[in-house]
Amino acid sequence: MQVTEIPVADIEEPWNIQRRVDTTTVEWMEFKATIPKVGLLHPVGVNKRGGETRLIWGNRRRTAY
């Protein structure tokens, strides 16, 4: 596995979203508020293929960031 910094705007949604992110809950707001304070503790996973960068895991983190 290779760790590379990629701009969030360059990461496209997954091909198949298994679970939508509910951005209206208190839990979500608290999670989103912690990112500027502590950063992302776990990276998101992407697949680069044919000029596309698609999210594999970490949709909640990508959406919050």
N, C-alpha and C. Protein backbone atom coordinates (compact mmCIF):
# COMPACT_ATOMS: atom_id res chain seq x y z
N MET A 1 0.85 -1.16 0.00
CA MET A 1 0.00 0.00 0.00
C MET A 1 0.90 1.23 0.00
N GLN A 2 0.50 2.23 -0.77
CA GLN A 2 1.25 3.47 -0.87
C GLN A 2 0.41 4.61 -0.32
N VAL A 3 1.01 5.45 0.52
CA VAL A 3 0.31 6.60 1.08
C VAL A 3 0.70 7.83 0.27
N THR A 4 -0.31 8.52 -0.27
CA THR A 4 -0.11 9.70 -1.09
C THR A 4 -1.15 10.73 -0.73
N GLU A 5 -0.77 12.00 -0.69
CA GLU A 5 -1.75 13.06 -0.45
C GLU A 5 -2.44 13.40 -1.76
N ILE A 6 -3.77 13.42 -1.71
CA ILE A 6 -4.59 13.73 -2.87
C ILE A 6 -5.61 14.79 -2.43
N PRO A 7 -5.79 15.85 -3.20
CA PRO A 7 -6.82 16.83 -2.83
C PRO A 7 -8.21 16.18 -2.75
N VAL A 8 -8.95 16.51 -1.72
CA VAL A 8 -10.27 15.92 -1.52
C VAL A 8 -11.16 16.14 -2.74
N ALA A 9 -11.05 17.28 -3.37
CA ALA A 9 -11.87 17.59 -4.55
C ALA A 9 -11.61 16.63 -5.71
N ASP A 10 -10.44 15.98 -5.71
CA ASP A 10 -10.09 15.04 -6.78
C ASP A 10 -10.62 13.63 -6.54
N ILE A 11 -11.15 13.37 -5.34
CA ILE A 11 -11.65 12.03 -5.01
C ILE A 11 -13.13 11.95 -5.34
N GLU A 12 -13.47 11.07 -6.25
CA GLU A 12 -14.86 10.91 -6.67
C GLU A 12 -15.58 9.91 -5.77
N GLU A 13 -16.91 10.01 -5.75
CA GLU A 13 -17.71 9.09 -4.93
C GLU A 13 -17.46 7.65 -5.36
N PRO A 14 -17.70 6.73 -4.44
CA PRO A 14 -17.54 5.31 -4.78
C PRO A 14 -18.49 4.90 -5.90
N TRP A 15 -18.13 3.82 -6.59
CA TRP A 15 -19.00 3.29 -7.64
C TRP A 15 -20.32 2.81 -7.04
N ASN A 16 -20.25 2.25 -5.87
CA ASN A 16 -21.46 1.76 -5.21
C ASN A 16 -21.45 2.21 -3.76
N ILE A 17 -22.25 3.22 -3.45
CA ILE A 17 -22.33 3.71 -2.07
C ILE A 17 -23.20 2.76 -1.28
N GLN A 18 -22.61 2.14 -0.27
CA GLN A 18 -23.33 1.15 0.54
C GLN A 18 -24.20 1.82 1.60
N ARG A 19 -23.70 2.95 2.13
CA ARG A 19 -24.44 3.63 3.18
C ARG A 19 -24.26 5.13 3.00
N ARG A 20 -25.35 5.84 2.85
CA ARG A 20 -25.30 7.30 2.71
C ARG A 20 -24.93 7.92 4.05
N VAL A 21 -24.28 9.06 4.00
CA VAL A 21 -23.89 9.78 5.21
C VAL A 21 -25.02 10.72 5.62
N ASP A 22 -25.52 10.54 6.84
CA ASP A 22 -26.57 11.42 7.37
C ASP A 22 -25.89 12.60 8.05
N THR A 23 -25.89 13.75 7.40
CA THR A 23 -25.19 14.93 7.91
C THR A 23 -26.05 15.79 8.83
N THR A 24 -27.19 15.25 9.28
CA THR A 24 -28.10 16.02 10.14
C THR A 24 -28.03 15.61 11.61
N THR A 25 -27.28 14.58 11.94
CA THR A 25 -27.26 14.09 13.32
C THR A 25 -26.23 14.85 14.17
N VAL A 26 -26.45 14.83 15.46
CA VAL A 26 -25.51 15.44 16.40
C VAL A 26 -24.17 14.71 16.33
N GLU A 27 -24.21 13.39 16.23
CA GLU A 27 -22.98 12.60 16.13
C GLU A 27 -22.14 13.06 14.94
N TRP A 28 -22.81 13.30 13.82
CA TRP A 28 -22.11 13.76 12.61
C TRP A 28 -21.45 15.12 12.84
N MET A 29 -22.19 16.05 13.43
CA MET A 29 -21.66 17.39 13.69
C MET A 29 -20.43 17.33 14.61
N GLU A 30 -20.51 16.48 15.64
CA GLU A 30 -19.38 16.32 16.55
C GLU A 30 -18.18 15.71 15.84
N PHE A 31 -18.42 14.70 15.01
CA PHE A 31 -17.35 14.06 14.24
C PHE A 31 -16.67 15.07 13.33
N LYS A 32 -17.47 15.84 12.61
CA LYS A 32 -16.94 16.83 11.68
C LYS A 32 -16.12 17.90 12.42
N ALA A 33 -16.57 18.28 13.60
CA ALA A 33 -15.88 19.31 14.38
C ALA A 33 -14.52 18.84 14.89
N THR A 34 -14.32 17.53 15.05
CA THR A 34 -13.03 17.04 15.56
C THR A 34 -11.94 17.04 14.50
N ILE A 35 -12.29 17.01 13.23
CA ILE A 35 -11.27 16.91 12.17
C ILE A 35 -10.30 18.10 12.17
N PRO A 36 -10.76 19.35 12.25
CA PRO A 36 -9.78 20.45 12.30
C PRO A 36 -8.89 20.41 13.54
N LYS A 37 -9.39 19.81 14.63
CA LYS A 37 -8.63 19.77 15.88
C LYS A 37 -7.57 18.67 15.88
N VAL A 38 -7.95 17.47 15.41
CA VAL A 38 -7.03 16.33 15.50
C VAL A 38 -6.62 15.77 14.13
N GLY A 39 -7.27 16.22 13.08
CA GLY A 39 -6.97 15.70 11.74
C GLY A 39 -7.66 14.37 11.51
N LEU A 40 -7.33 13.76 10.39
CA LEU A 40 -7.86 12.43 10.09
C LEU A 40 -6.94 11.39 10.70
N LEU A 41 -7.46 10.59 11.62
CA LEU A 41 -6.64 9.59 12.28
C LEU A 41 -6.43 8.37 11.40
N HIS A 42 -7.35 8.13 10.49
CA HIS A 42 -7.26 7.00 9.57
C HIS A 42 -7.45 7.53 8.15
N PRO A 43 -6.59 7.16 7.24
CA PRO A 43 -6.72 7.66 5.87
C PRO A 43 -7.92 7.02 5.16
N VAL A 44 -8.35 7.65 4.08
CA VAL A 44 -9.38 7.04 3.23
C VAL A 44 -8.65 6.19 2.19
N GLY A 45 -9.36 5.24 1.62
CA GLY A 45 -8.78 4.39 0.59
C GLY A 45 -9.33 4.75 -0.77
N VAL A 46 -8.45 4.85 -1.74
CA VAL A 46 -8.88 5.19 -3.09
C VAL A 46 -8.29 4.20 -4.09
N ASN A 47 -8.89 4.18 -5.26
CA ASN A 47 -8.40 3.38 -6.38
C ASN A 47 -8.21 4.31 -7.56
N LYS A 48 -7.00 4.38 -8.07
CA LYS A 48 -6.72 5.23 -9.23
C LYS A 48 -6.72 4.34 -10.46
N ARG A 49 -7.64 4.65 -11.38
CA ARG A 49 -7.76 3.84 -12.59
C ARG A 49 -8.23 4.72 -13.74
N GLY A 50 -7.51 4.70 -14.82
CA GLY A 50 -7.93 5.42 -16.01
C GLY A 50 -8.14 6.90 -15.81
N GLY A 51 -7.31 7.53 -15.00
CA GLY A 51 -7.45 8.96 -14.76
C GLY A 51 -8.46 9.33 -13.69
N GLU A 52 -9.16 8.33 -13.14
CA GLU A 52 -10.13 8.59 -12.07
C GLU A 52 -9.54 8.18 -10.73
N THR A 53 -9.91 8.90 -9.70
CA THR A 53 -9.56 8.53 -8.34
C THR A 53 -10.87 8.31 -7.59
N ARG A 54 -11.21 7.04 -7.37
CA ARG A 54 -12.48 6.68 -6.73
C ARG A 54 -12.26 6.23 -5.30
N LEU A 55 -13.16 6.63 -4.43
CA LEU A 55 -13.12 6.24 -3.03
C LEU A 55 -13.46 4.77 -2.89
N ILE A 56 -12.69 4.05 -2.09
CA ILE A 56 -12.99 2.65 -1.79
C ILE A 56 -13.56 2.54 -0.38
N TRP A 57 -12.91 3.18 0.59
CA TRP A 57 -13.44 3.21 1.95
C TRP A 57 -13.16 4.57 2.56
N GLY A 58 -14.02 4.96 3.53
CA GLY A 58 -13.86 6.23 4.22
C GLY A 58 -14.80 7.32 3.71
N ASN A 59 -15.98 6.94 3.23
CA ASN A 59 -16.92 7.93 2.69
C ASN A 59 -17.34 8.95 3.74
N ARG A 60 -17.52 8.51 4.96
CA ARG A 60 -17.91 9.42 6.04
C ARG A 60 -16.80 10.44 6.30
N ARG A 61 -15.56 9.99 6.33
CA ARG A 61 -14.42 10.89 6.55
C ARG A 61 -14.26 11.85 5.38
N ARG A 62 -14.38 11.35 4.17
CA ARG A 62 -14.25 12.20 2.97
C ARG A 62 -15.33 13.28 2.96
N THR A 63 -16.55 12.90 3.30
CA THR A 63 -17.66 13.85 3.33
C THR A 63 -17.43 14.90 4.41
N ALA A 64 -16.95 14.49 5.56
CA ALA A 64 -16.71 15.43 6.67
C ALA A 64 -15.56 16.38 6.34
N TYR A 65 -14.54 15.86 5.69
CA TYR A 65 -13.38 16.68 5.39
C TYR A 65 -13.72 17.70 4.34
